[in-house]
N, C-alpha and C. Protein backbone atom coordinates (compact mmCIF):
# COMPACT_ATOMS: atom_id res chain seq x y z
N MET A 1 117.81 96.28 94.50
CA MET A 1 117.46 95.17 96.29
C MET A 1 116.47 95.08 96.44
N LEU A 2 115.29 96.02 96.65
CA LEU A 2 114.05 95.59 97.51
C LEU A 2 113.61 94.58 96.81
N SER A 3 113.37 94.72 95.41
CA SER A 3 112.82 94.41 94.25
C SER A 3 113.42 92.23 94.23
N THR A 4 114.35 92.25 95.59
CA THR A 4 115.17 90.90 95.33
C THR A 4 113.49 89.14 95.83
N ALA A 5 113.92 88.48 95.95
CA ALA A 5 113.10 87.79 96.06
C ALA A 5 113.53 87.15 97.81
N VAL A 6 112.33 86.81 98.32
CA VAL A 6 111.98 86.52 99.76
C VAL A 6 111.13 84.91 99.70
N LEU A 7 111.78 84.31 100.52
CA LEU A 7 110.64 82.62 100.35
C LEU A 7 109.81 83.24 102.23
N VAL A 8 108.49 82.92 101.71
CA VAL A 8 107.64 82.80 102.51
C VAL A 8 106.83 81.49 103.42
N LEU A 9 107.19 81.49 104.81
CA LEU A 9 106.74 80.23 105.33
C LEU A 9 105.58 80.86 106.17
N ASN A 10 104.58 79.42 106.44
CA ASN A 10 104.04 79.72 107.66
C ASN A 10 104.55 79.07 108.66
N ARG A 11 103.64 79.98 109.84
CA ARG A 11 104.23 78.78 110.97
C ARG A 11 104.32 77.00 111.22
N ASN A 12 104.32 76.46 110.25
CA ASN A 12 104.79 75.55 110.81
C ASN A 12 106.43 75.03 109.35
N PHE A 13 107.01 76.28 109.67
CA PHE A 13 107.68 76.13 108.44
C PHE A 13 107.76 75.32 107.14
N GLN A 14 106.68 75.85 106.98
CA GLN A 14 105.91 75.16 104.95
C GLN A 14 106.24 75.89 104.45
N ALA A 15 106.87 75.91 102.72
CA ALA A 15 107.11 77.14 102.40
C ALA A 15 106.01 77.57 101.62
N VAL A 16 105.26 79.04 101.22
CA VAL A 16 103.94 79.23 100.61
C VAL A 16 104.12 80.05 99.48
N HIS A 17 104.75 81.23 99.68
CA HIS A 17 105.24 81.78 98.74
C HIS A 17 105.93 82.67 98.33
N VAL A 18 106.54 83.23 97.90
CA VAL A 18 107.98 83.93 97.43
C VAL A 18 107.62 85.72 97.09
N THR A 19 108.12 86.37 97.90
CA THR A 19 107.66 88.04 98.06
C THR A 19 108.68 88.71 97.70
N THR A 20 109.08 89.82 97.60
CA THR A 20 109.83 90.73 97.02
C THR A 20 110.61 91.23 98.40
N ALA A 21 111.64 91.77 98.53
CA ALA A 21 112.59 92.56 99.96
C ALA A 21 111.40 93.35 100.49
N ARG A 22 111.12 94.15 99.93
CA ARG A 22 110.57 95.00 100.18
C ARG A 22 108.90 94.79 101.82
N ARG A 23 108.50 93.90 100.66
CA ARG A 23 107.17 93.39 101.63
C ARG A 23 107.79 92.41 102.83
N ALA A 24 108.66 91.76 102.76
CA ALA A 24 109.09 90.90 103.62
C ALA A 24 109.16 91.81 104.46
N PHE A 25 110.45 93.13 104.37
CA PHE A 25 110.15 93.88 105.22
C PHE A 25 109.89 94.76 106.52
N CYS A 26 108.57 95.38 105.45
CA CYS A 26 107.16 95.71 105.57
C CYS A 26 106.11 94.61 107.27
N LEU A 27 106.36 93.51 106.54
CA LEU A 27 105.94 92.69 107.84
C LEU A 27 106.90 92.07 108.13
N LEU A 28 107.93 92.24 108.41
CA LEU A 28 108.63 91.79 109.88
C LEU A 28 108.37 93.03 110.75
N PHE A 29 108.23 94.49 110.19
CA PHE A 29 108.44 96.26 110.91
C PHE A 29 107.09 95.49 111.75
N ARG A 30 106.16 95.42 111.21
CA ARG A 30 104.86 95.51 111.40
C ARG A 30 104.65 93.93 112.56
N GLY A 31 105.86 93.45 112.89
CA GLY A 31 105.65 92.86 113.85
C GLY A 31 104.68 90.96 113.08
N ALA A 32 104.84 91.09 111.99
CA ALA A 32 103.41 89.74 111.04
C ALA A 32 104.96 88.29 110.43
N ALA A 33 105.46 88.77 110.79
CA ALA A 33 106.91 88.06 109.97
C ALA A 33 107.65 87.92 110.60
N CYS A 34 108.75 86.82 110.99
CA CYS A 34 110.02 87.28 111.67
C CYS A 34 111.49 86.64 110.70
N ALA A 35 112.07 86.94 110.65
CA ALA A 35 113.03 86.53 109.86
C ALA A 35 114.03 84.88 110.31
N VAL A 36 114.13 84.56 109.65
CA VAL A 36 114.59 83.02 109.35
C VAL A 36 116.03 83.25 109.24
N GLY A 37 116.60 82.88 110.25
CA GLY A 37 118.54 82.96 109.63
C GLY A 37 118.83 81.56 110.17
N ARG A 38 120.24 81.33 109.81
CA ARG A 38 121.38 79.97 110.01
C ARG A 38 120.72 78.83 111.76
N ASP A 39 120.09 78.02 111.17
CA ASP A 39 119.79 77.27 112.18
C ASP A 39 118.58 76.77 112.12
N PHE A 40 117.66 78.10 111.92
CA PHE A 40 116.07 77.68 111.59
C PHE A 40 116.23 79.07 112.85
N GLN A 41 116.48 80.13 112.98
CA GLN A 41 116.34 80.67 114.60
C GLN A 41 116.11 81.64 113.46
N THR A 42 115.36 82.78 114.58
CA THR A 42 114.66 83.29 114.04
C THR A 42 114.27 84.52 115.05
N PHE A 43 114.16 85.56 114.09
CA PHE A 43 114.51 87.52 114.58
C PHE A 43 113.41 87.86 114.56
N ASP A 44 113.23 88.95 114.97
CA ASP A 44 111.99 89.76 114.97
C ASP A 44 113.03 91.84 114.67
N PHE A 45 111.84 92.26 114.16
CA PHE A 45 112.41 93.81 113.62
C PHE A 45 113.76 93.92 113.91
N PRO A 46 113.82 94.29 115.83
CA PRO A 46 114.73 95.08 115.88
C PRO A 46 116.36 93.82 115.90
N ALA A 47 115.67 92.62 116.34
CA ALA A 47 116.86 92.15 116.44
C ALA A 47 117.39 91.37 115.37
N TRP A 48 117.39 91.78 114.13
CA TRP A 48 117.10 91.51 112.98
C TRP A 48 118.03 92.51 112.76
N ALA A 49 117.85 93.37 112.44
CA ALA A 49 118.50 95.27 112.81
C ALA A 49 119.32 94.90 112.84
N ALA A 50 119.65 94.45 114.24
CA ALA A 50 120.59 94.51 115.12
C ALA A 50 122.04 94.09 115.14
N ALA A 51 120.86 92.40 114.05
CA ALA A 51 122.20 91.28 113.29
C ALA A 51 123.03 91.81 112.57
N ALA A 52 122.52 92.61 111.87
CA ALA A 52 122.84 93.00 110.53
C ALA A 52 124.54 93.61 111.09
N ASP A 53 125.38 93.15 109.54
CA ASP A 53 126.75 93.53 109.99
C ASP A 53 127.18 94.55 108.93
N GLY A 54 126.58 94.98 107.99
CA GLY A 54 126.27 95.79 106.68
C GLY A 54 128.13 95.42 106.01
N SER A 55 128.12 94.42 106.13
CA SER A 55 129.39 93.83 104.53
C SER A 55 128.20 92.89 103.69
N GLY A 56 128.60 92.89 102.70
CA GLY A 56 128.04 91.91 101.42
C GLY A 56 127.54 92.86 100.61
N SER A 57 126.79 92.23 99.69
CA SER A 57 125.97 92.65 98.50
C SER A 57 124.15 92.54 98.92
N ASP A 58 124.12 91.80 99.68
CA ASP A 58 122.54 91.72 100.32
C ASP A 58 121.91 92.83 101.00
N VAL A 59 122.38 93.73 101.44
CA VAL A 59 121.66 95.03 102.37
C VAL A 59 121.22 95.62 101.60
N VAL A 60 120.93 97.12 103.05
CA VAL A 60 119.81 98.07 102.01
C VAL A 60 120.19 99.28 103.53
N HIS A 61 120.71 99.96 102.72
CA HIS A 61 120.93 101.35 103.74
C HIS A 61 120.01 102.09 103.85
N THR A 62 119.77 102.63 105.13
CA THR A 62 118.33 103.79 105.35
C THR A 62 118.88 104.80 105.99
N PRO A 63 118.69 105.79 105.91
CA PRO A 63 119.46 107.07 106.83
C PRO A 63 120.34 106.71 108.02
N SER A 64 119.58 105.92 109.15
CA SER A 64 119.65 105.35 110.11
C SER A 64 120.08 103.90 109.69
N ALA A 65 120.54 103.17 109.25
CA ALA A 65 121.01 101.40 109.63
C ALA A 65 121.48 101.30 108.29
N THR A 66 122.05 100.20 108.34
CA THR A 66 122.34 98.92 107.15
C THR A 66 121.88 97.60 107.40
N LEU A 67 120.68 97.05 106.39
CA LEU A 67 119.70 95.88 106.86
C LEU A 67 120.02 94.88 106.36
N ARG A 68 120.46 93.70 106.76
CA ARG A 68 120.52 93.11 105.81
C ARG A 68 119.63 92.19 105.06
N VAL A 69 119.35 92.31 104.04
CA VAL A 69 117.87 91.07 103.00
C VAL A 69 118.19 89.97 103.87
N PRO A 70 116.53 89.65 104.69
CA PRO A 70 116.16 88.28 104.76
C PRO A 70 115.88 87.36 103.65
N ARG A 71 116.67 86.25 103.29
CA ARG A 71 116.19 85.00 102.07
C ARG A 71 114.88 85.12 102.73
N VAL A 72 114.78 84.71 103.18
CA VAL A 72 113.39 83.17 104.36
C VAL A 72 113.03 84.56 105.59
N ILE A 73 111.55 84.75 105.19
CA ILE A 73 110.49 84.23 106.64
C ILE A 73 110.06 83.81 106.78
N LEU A 74 109.14 84.08 108.45
CA LEU A 74 108.24 83.27 108.99
C LEU A 74 107.05 84.32 109.85
N LEU A 75 105.74 83.74 108.96
CA LEU A 75 104.96 84.46 108.64
C LEU A 75 104.50 84.16 110.65
N THR A 76 103.78 84.94 111.22
CA THR A 76 103.37 84.31 113.07
C THR A 76 102.11 84.12 112.87
N THR A 77 101.68 84.83 111.74
CA THR A 77 100.37 84.13 111.73
C THR A 77 99.00 83.07 111.20
N TYR A 78 100.32 83.20 109.98
CA TYR A 78 99.35 81.81 109.22
C TYR A 78 99.88 80.57 108.54
N ASP A 79 98.95 79.70 108.79
CA ASP A 79 99.15 78.58 109.45
C ASP A 79 98.11 77.28 108.09
N ARG A 80 97.79 78.46 107.06
CA ARG A 80 97.25 77.63 105.68
C ARG A 80 97.91 76.60 105.28
N VAL A 81 98.00 75.58 105.00
CA VAL A 81 98.38 74.75 104.47
C VAL A 81 98.72 75.08 102.38
N PRO A 82 98.73 75.06 102.14
CA PRO A 82 98.74 75.17 100.44
C PRO A 82 97.67 74.21 99.62
N ARG A 83 97.71 74.47 98.75
CA ARG A 83 97.29 73.80 97.94
C ARG A 83 98.16 72.89 97.45
N PRO A 84 98.05 71.02 97.66
CA PRO A 84 98.99 70.49 96.47
C PRO A 84 98.15 69.86 95.88
N THR A 85 97.64 71.02 94.82
CA THR A 85 97.53 70.30 93.66
C THR A 85 97.84 71.87 92.25
N VAL A 86 98.56 71.52 90.98
CA VAL A 86 99.22 72.64 90.61
C VAL A 86 98.00 73.21 89.49
N ARG A 87 97.44 74.53 89.57
CA ARG A 87 96.35 75.38 88.86
C ARG A 87 96.83 74.87 86.96
N PHE A 88 96.03 73.76 86.69
CA PHE A 88 96.99 73.88 85.06
C PHE A 88 96.63 75.25 84.16
N SER A 89 97.83 75.73 83.88
CA SER A 89 97.70 77.26 83.23
C SER A 89 99.00 77.29 81.66
N ARG A 90 99.08 77.59 81.50
CA ARG A 90 100.04 77.42 79.70
C ARG A 90 101.42 77.88 80.53
N ALA A 91 101.64 78.19 81.73
CA ALA A 91 103.12 78.55 81.99
C ALA A 91 103.23 77.23 83.06
N ASN A 92 101.93 76.82 83.64
CA ASN A 92 102.56 75.67 84.46
C ASN A 92 102.90 74.43 83.60
N VAL A 93 102.41 73.84 82.15
CA VAL A 93 103.00 73.49 81.45
C VAL A 93 103.88 73.32 80.92
N PHE A 94 104.36 74.26 80.45
CA PHE A 94 106.16 74.24 80.43
C PHE A 94 107.25 74.40 81.59
N THR A 95 105.99 74.83 82.46
CA THR A 95 107.28 74.30 83.90
C THR A 95 107.12 73.02 83.94
N ARG A 96 106.02 72.44 83.99
CA ARG A 96 105.81 70.28 83.97
C ARG A 96 107.27 70.35 83.09
N ASP A 97 106.23 70.15 81.48
CA ASP A 97 107.53 69.74 80.58
C ASP A 97 109.20 70.60 80.85
N HIS A 98 109.68 71.46 81.29
CA HIS A 98 110.91 72.26 81.57
C HIS A 98 111.77 72.84 79.66
N ASN A 99 110.21 73.74 79.76
CA ASN A 99 110.65 74.26 78.46
C ASN A 99 110.92 73.35 77.23
N THR A 100 110.84 71.74 77.02
CA THR A 100 111.59 71.06 76.45
C THR A 100 110.18 70.76 75.39
N CYS A 101 110.11 70.39 74.30
CA CYS A 101 109.06 69.96 73.08
C CYS A 101 108.45 68.35 73.40
N GLN A 102 108.06 67.88 73.80
CA GLN A 102 108.12 66.59 74.13
C GLN A 102 107.25 65.70 72.96
N TYR A 103 107.76 65.93 71.67
CA TYR A 103 107.94 65.46 70.36
C TYR A 103 109.96 65.24 69.94
N CYS A 104 110.17 66.41 69.63
CA CYS A 104 111.81 66.15 69.47
C CYS A 104 112.55 66.27 70.23
N GLY A 105 112.03 66.83 71.97
CA GLY A 105 113.21 66.83 72.67
C GLY A 105 114.17 67.88 72.52
N ARG A 106 113.43 68.90 72.61
CA ARG A 106 114.89 70.23 72.05
C ARG A 106 114.71 71.14 72.91
N ASN A 107 114.62 71.81 74.09
CA ASN A 107 114.28 72.94 74.45
C ASN A 107 114.72 74.43 74.05
N TYR A 108 113.56 75.25 74.46
CA TYR A 108 113.41 75.80 73.68
C TYR A 108 113.03 77.52 74.82
N PRO A 109 113.56 78.33 74.20
CA PRO A 109 112.59 79.75 75.16
C PRO A 109 111.21 79.54 75.22
N ARG A 110 110.56 79.66 75.79
CA ARG A 110 109.26 79.70 75.95
C ARG A 110 108.18 80.65 74.99
N HIS A 111 108.71 82.15 74.31
CA HIS A 111 107.90 81.81 73.38
C HIS A 111 107.65 81.34 72.23
N LYS A 112 109.12 80.48 71.31
CA LYS A 112 109.26 80.00 70.72
C LYS A 112 108.36 78.15 70.68
N LEU A 113 107.68 77.93 72.31
CA LEU A 113 106.64 77.38 72.05
C LEU A 113 105.45 77.25 72.14
N ASN A 114 105.02 76.29 71.86
CA ASN A 114 103.40 76.20 72.01
C ASN A 114 102.25 74.82 72.53
N ILE A 115 101.70 75.13 73.06
CA ILE A 115 100.40 73.83 73.64
C ILE A 115 100.08 73.23 73.12
N ASP A 116 100.21 71.49 73.01
CA ASP A 116 99.52 71.07 71.60
C ASP A 116 98.65 70.21 73.22
N HIS A 117 97.50 69.81 72.15
CA HIS A 117 96.39 68.72 72.28
C HIS A 117 96.99 66.81 72.26
N VAL A 118 97.57 66.13 72.96
CA VAL A 118 97.57 64.99 72.49
C VAL A 118 96.74 64.86 71.14
N VAL A 119 95.65 64.31 71.96
CA VAL A 119 94.14 64.23 70.96
C VAL A 119 93.46 65.32 70.77
N PRO A 120 93.57 66.01 69.37
CA PRO A 120 93.07 67.64 69.66
C PRO A 120 92.25 67.87 69.26
N LYS A 121 91.47 68.99 70.32
CA LYS A 121 90.00 69.10 70.42
C LYS A 121 88.97 69.30 69.31
N SER A 122 89.40 69.20 68.16
CA SER A 122 88.55 68.62 67.06
C SER A 122 88.13 67.10 67.23
N LEU A 123 89.23 66.46 67.84
CA LEU A 123 88.84 64.81 67.88
C LEU A 123 88.30 65.07 69.62
N GLY A 124 87.74 66.00 70.53
CA GLY A 124 86.55 64.90 71.31
C GLY A 124 88.35 65.36 72.77
N GLY A 125 89.05 66.16 72.48
CA GLY A 125 90.36 65.86 73.44
C GLY A 125 90.15 67.04 74.30
N ASP A 126 90.32 67.18 75.41
CA ASP A 126 90.21 68.13 76.30
C ASP A 126 91.14 68.87 76.96
N SER A 127 91.45 69.88 77.56
CA SER A 127 92.51 70.95 77.85
C SER A 127 92.67 70.32 79.69
N ASN A 128 93.50 69.31 79.46
CA ASN A 128 93.66 69.57 80.99
C ASN A 128 95.08 68.68 81.09
N TRP A 129 96.06 68.22 81.86
CA TRP A 129 97.38 67.55 82.63
C TRP A 129 97.24 66.61 81.56
N GLU A 130 96.22 65.87 81.47
CA GLU A 130 96.92 64.56 80.83
C GLU A 130 97.02 64.36 79.12
N ASN A 131 96.26 65.75 78.97
CA ASN A 131 96.06 65.42 77.29
C ASN A 131 96.73 67.49 76.52
N VAL A 132 97.92 67.78 77.35
CA VAL A 132 98.32 68.70 76.62
C VAL A 132 99.78 68.55 76.89
N VAL A 133 100.77 68.88 76.43
CA VAL A 133 102.42 69.15 75.94
C VAL A 133 102.35 69.92 75.21
N CYS A 134 104.05 70.61 76.11
CA CYS A 134 104.86 71.50 75.39
C CYS A 134 104.99 71.51 73.86
N SER A 135 105.03 71.84 72.89
CA SER A 135 105.34 71.91 71.90
C SER A 135 106.47 72.72 71.41
N CYS A 136 107.23 72.45 70.63
CA CYS A 136 107.56 73.51 69.22
C CYS A 136 106.67 73.80 67.92
N VAL A 137 107.32 75.02 67.61
CA VAL A 137 106.26 75.61 66.39
C VAL A 137 106.09 74.40 65.06
N SER A 138 107.55 74.33 64.93
CA SER A 138 107.51 72.68 64.15
C SER A 138 107.35 71.95 64.37
N CYS A 139 107.00 70.76 65.36
CA CYS A 139 106.66 69.39 65.52
C CYS A 139 105.04 70.00 65.24
N ASN A 140 104.47 71.30 65.97
CA ASN A 140 102.99 71.48 66.29
C ASN A 140 102.43 71.96 65.26
N ARG A 141 102.87 71.78 63.93
CA ARG A 141 102.68 72.25 62.20
C ARG A 141 102.68 70.51 61.63
N ILE A 142 104.06 69.69 62.26
CA ILE A 142 104.03 68.08 61.51
C ILE A 142 102.52 67.81 61.87
N LYS A 143 102.06 67.96 63.55
CA LYS A 143 101.41 66.80 63.66
C LYS A 143 99.84 67.70 63.56
N GLY A 144 99.38 68.68 63.43
CA GLY A 144 98.35 69.53 63.32
C GLY A 144 97.60 68.72 63.79
N GLY A 145 96.26 68.73 63.33
CA GLY A 145 95.19 68.87 64.04
C GLY A 145 95.04 66.57 64.20
N ARG A 146 96.13 66.24 63.83
CA ARG A 146 95.89 65.13 64.04
C ARG A 146 96.19 64.10 65.65
N LEU A 147 96.57 62.59 64.96
CA LEU A 147 96.04 61.99 66.28
C LEU A 147 97.61 61.82 66.17
N LEU A 148 98.29 61.22 67.12
CA LEU A 148 100.36 61.35 67.02
C LEU A 148 100.10 59.87 66.32
N LYS A 149 99.69 58.41 65.99
CA LYS A 149 99.98 57.39 64.81
C LYS A 149 99.74 58.32 63.72
N ASP A 150 98.67 59.05 63.18
CA ASP A 150 98.10 59.38 61.71
C ASP A 150 99.60 60.79 61.88
N ALA A 151 99.98 61.41 61.90
CA ALA A 151 100.72 62.24 62.11
C ALA A 151 102.60 61.71 62.47
N GLY A 152 103.06 59.84 62.44
CA GLY A 152 104.00 59.77 63.02
C GLY A 152 105.11 60.06 63.93
N LEU A 153 103.71 60.57 65.55
CA LEU A 153 104.87 61.72 66.42
C LEU A 153 104.78 60.52 67.62
N ARG A 154 106.16 60.54 68.22
CA ARG A 154 105.82 59.58 69.44
C ARG A 154 106.01 61.04 70.71
N LEU A 155 105.56 60.59 71.78
CA LEU A 155 105.61 61.65 73.12
C LEU A 155 107.21 61.10 73.93
N LEU A 156 107.87 62.08 74.21
CA LEU A 156 108.96 61.57 75.01
C LEU A 156 108.51 60.82 77.12
N ARG A 157 107.39 61.63 76.83
CA ARG A 157 106.86 61.45 78.00
C ARG A 157 105.16 61.72 77.88
N GLN A 158 105.44 60.48 79.16
CA GLN A 158 103.62 60.92 78.70
C GLN A 158 102.60 61.79 79.65
N PRO A 159 102.13 62.63 79.13
CA PRO A 159 101.75 63.54 80.31
C PRO A 159 100.95 63.61 81.39
N ARG A 160 101.37 64.32 82.78
CA ARG A 160 100.51 63.46 84.16
C ARG A 160 100.17 65.02 84.44
N ARG A 161 99.51 65.09 85.76
CA ARG A 161 99.48 66.12 86.71
C ARG A 161 100.41 66.32 87.47
N PRO A 162 101.76 67.58 87.85
CA PRO A 162 102.03 67.45 88.91
C PRO A 162 102.13 66.76 90.08
N ALA A 163 102.96 66.03 90.61
CA ALA A 163 102.36 65.72 91.88
C ALA A 163 102.45 67.41 93.04
N TRP A 164 103.09 68.18 93.20
CA TRP A 164 103.40 68.81 93.82
C TRP A 164 103.40 70.72 93.32
N SER A 165 102.72 71.15 93.68
CA SER A 165 102.52 73.15 93.18
C SER A 165 103.95 73.64 93.34
N PRO A 166 103.88 73.81 91.65
CA PRO A 166 105.71 74.56 91.98
C PRO A 166 105.53 76.59 92.98
N LEU A 167 106.23 76.56 92.97
CA LEU A 167 106.32 77.43 94.39
C LEU A 167 106.09 78.76 93.28
N PHE A 168 107.08 78.88 92.77
CA PHE A 168 107.15 80.05 91.92
C PHE A 168 108.25 79.25 90.31
N ARG A 169 108.39 80.59 89.36
CA ARG A 169 108.70 79.51 87.85
C ARG A 169 110.72 80.07 88.27
N ARG A 170 111.18 78.68 87.51
CA ARG A 170 112.89 79.45 87.99
C ARG A 170 113.27 79.47 86.61
N ASP A 171 112.42 80.33 85.45
CA ASP A 171 113.01 80.76 84.21
C ASP A 171 113.54 82.16 84.22
N GLY A 172 115.45 82.37 85.13
CA GLY A 172 115.48 83.04 85.83
C GLY A 172 115.86 83.43 86.44
N SER A 173 114.63 83.40 87.66
CA SER A 173 114.31 84.45 88.66
C SER A 173 115.34 83.46 89.81
N GLU A 174 115.96 84.20 90.90
CA GLU A 174 117.12 83.90 92.10
C GLU A 174 116.18 83.24 92.38
N TRP A 175 117.66 81.77 92.69
CA TRP A 175 117.32 80.88 93.96
C TRP A 175 118.24 80.64 94.61
N TYR A 176 117.77 81.08 96.22
CA TYR A 176 119.15 81.72 97.15
C TYR A 176 119.84 80.37 98.09
N ALA A 177 120.47 79.99 98.04
CA ALA A 177 121.09 78.52 99.32
C ALA A 177 120.10 78.41 100.20
N GLU A 178 119.72 79.69 100.82
CA GLU A 178 119.06 79.53 102.40
C GLU A 178 117.59 78.95 102.13
N TRP A 179 117.23 78.94 100.43
CA TRP A 179 115.70 77.87 100.48
C TRP A 179 116.19 76.38 100.34
N GLN A 180 116.94 76.22 100.37
CA GLN A 180 117.02 75.01 100.52
C GLN A 180 117.02 73.88 101.35
N PRO A 181 116.46 74.42 102.06
CA PRO A 181 116.12 73.05 103.51
C PRO A 181 114.50 73.21 103.57
N PHE A 182 114.09 74.25 102.25
CA PHE A 182 112.40 74.75 102.05
C PHE A 182 111.58 74.11 100.89
N LEU A 183 113.00 73.77 100.11
CA LEU A 183 112.28 73.65 98.54
C LEU A 183 112.75 72.35 97.98
N ASP A 184 112.74 71.20 97.18
CA ASP A 184 113.00 69.82 96.36
C ASP A 184 113.80 70.92 95.08
N PRO A 185 115.27 70.20 94.66
CA PRO A 185 115.51 71.32 93.52
C PRO A 185 115.16 71.54 92.50
N GLU A 186 113.76 71.56 92.04
CA GLU A 186 113.05 72.02 90.79
C GLU A 186 112.02 73.12 91.76
N GLY A 187 112.20 73.52 93.32
CA GLY A 187 111.50 74.71 92.85
C GLY A 187 110.34 74.65 93.30
N ARG A 188 110.07 73.51 93.56
CA ARG A 188 108.71 73.20 94.87
C ARG A 188 108.40 72.87 95.88
N LEU A 189 107.54 72.20 96.50
CA LEU A 189 107.30 72.68 98.29
C LEU A 189 107.56 70.90 98.33
N LEU A 190 108.32 70.92 99.40
CA LEU A 190 108.62 69.28 99.79
C LEU A 190 107.36 68.80 100.25
N SER A 191 107.32 67.43 100.35
CA SER A 191 105.90 66.35 101.00
C SER A 191 106.88 66.32 102.28
N ARG A 192 105.44 66.40 102.61
CA ARG A 192 105.26 67.06 104.51
C ARG A 192 104.83 65.57 104.96
N ASN A 193 104.56 64.37 104.72
CA ASN A 193 104.61 63.03 104.78
C ASN A 193 105.32 63.13 105.98
């Protein structure tokens, strides 16, 4: 239970991170964070401990108390706004493309996928968001070091830089209903415009 996920918000109620319940309890106990309940109520550690009813599966038992695991915490001194751009990485390319080969359209587990340069590096292609796509092994072999027209392949979608940073990857990670007001359905930061 202490390794389950907890959404971390900055003082402006903006999602900035996902941490473990163990770390969330440490932050609550030190006064560095407040638990966020229903209707956006905030609780310090003593109030959160008093509010626990001991029922449900999301509880931690200590020798002297039963504590409900907070699913959202609000940092009391953190107000930095997260970067609106996504770091270019293999995992983030898979997330952007939803683990789907951009040539054949089939969905695969990540261990069966490759990264493919639309314009091959040998022909001057760069490793950036606009030139890299998720590809299955079979399609990657067919394409090889050629351009799309030469390999007889077409892209499902033109690759581009994601608009918002994925807060965490949803590949098997638990996602809680309490997080819904702070994230979009893909697990990304909501726009605050």
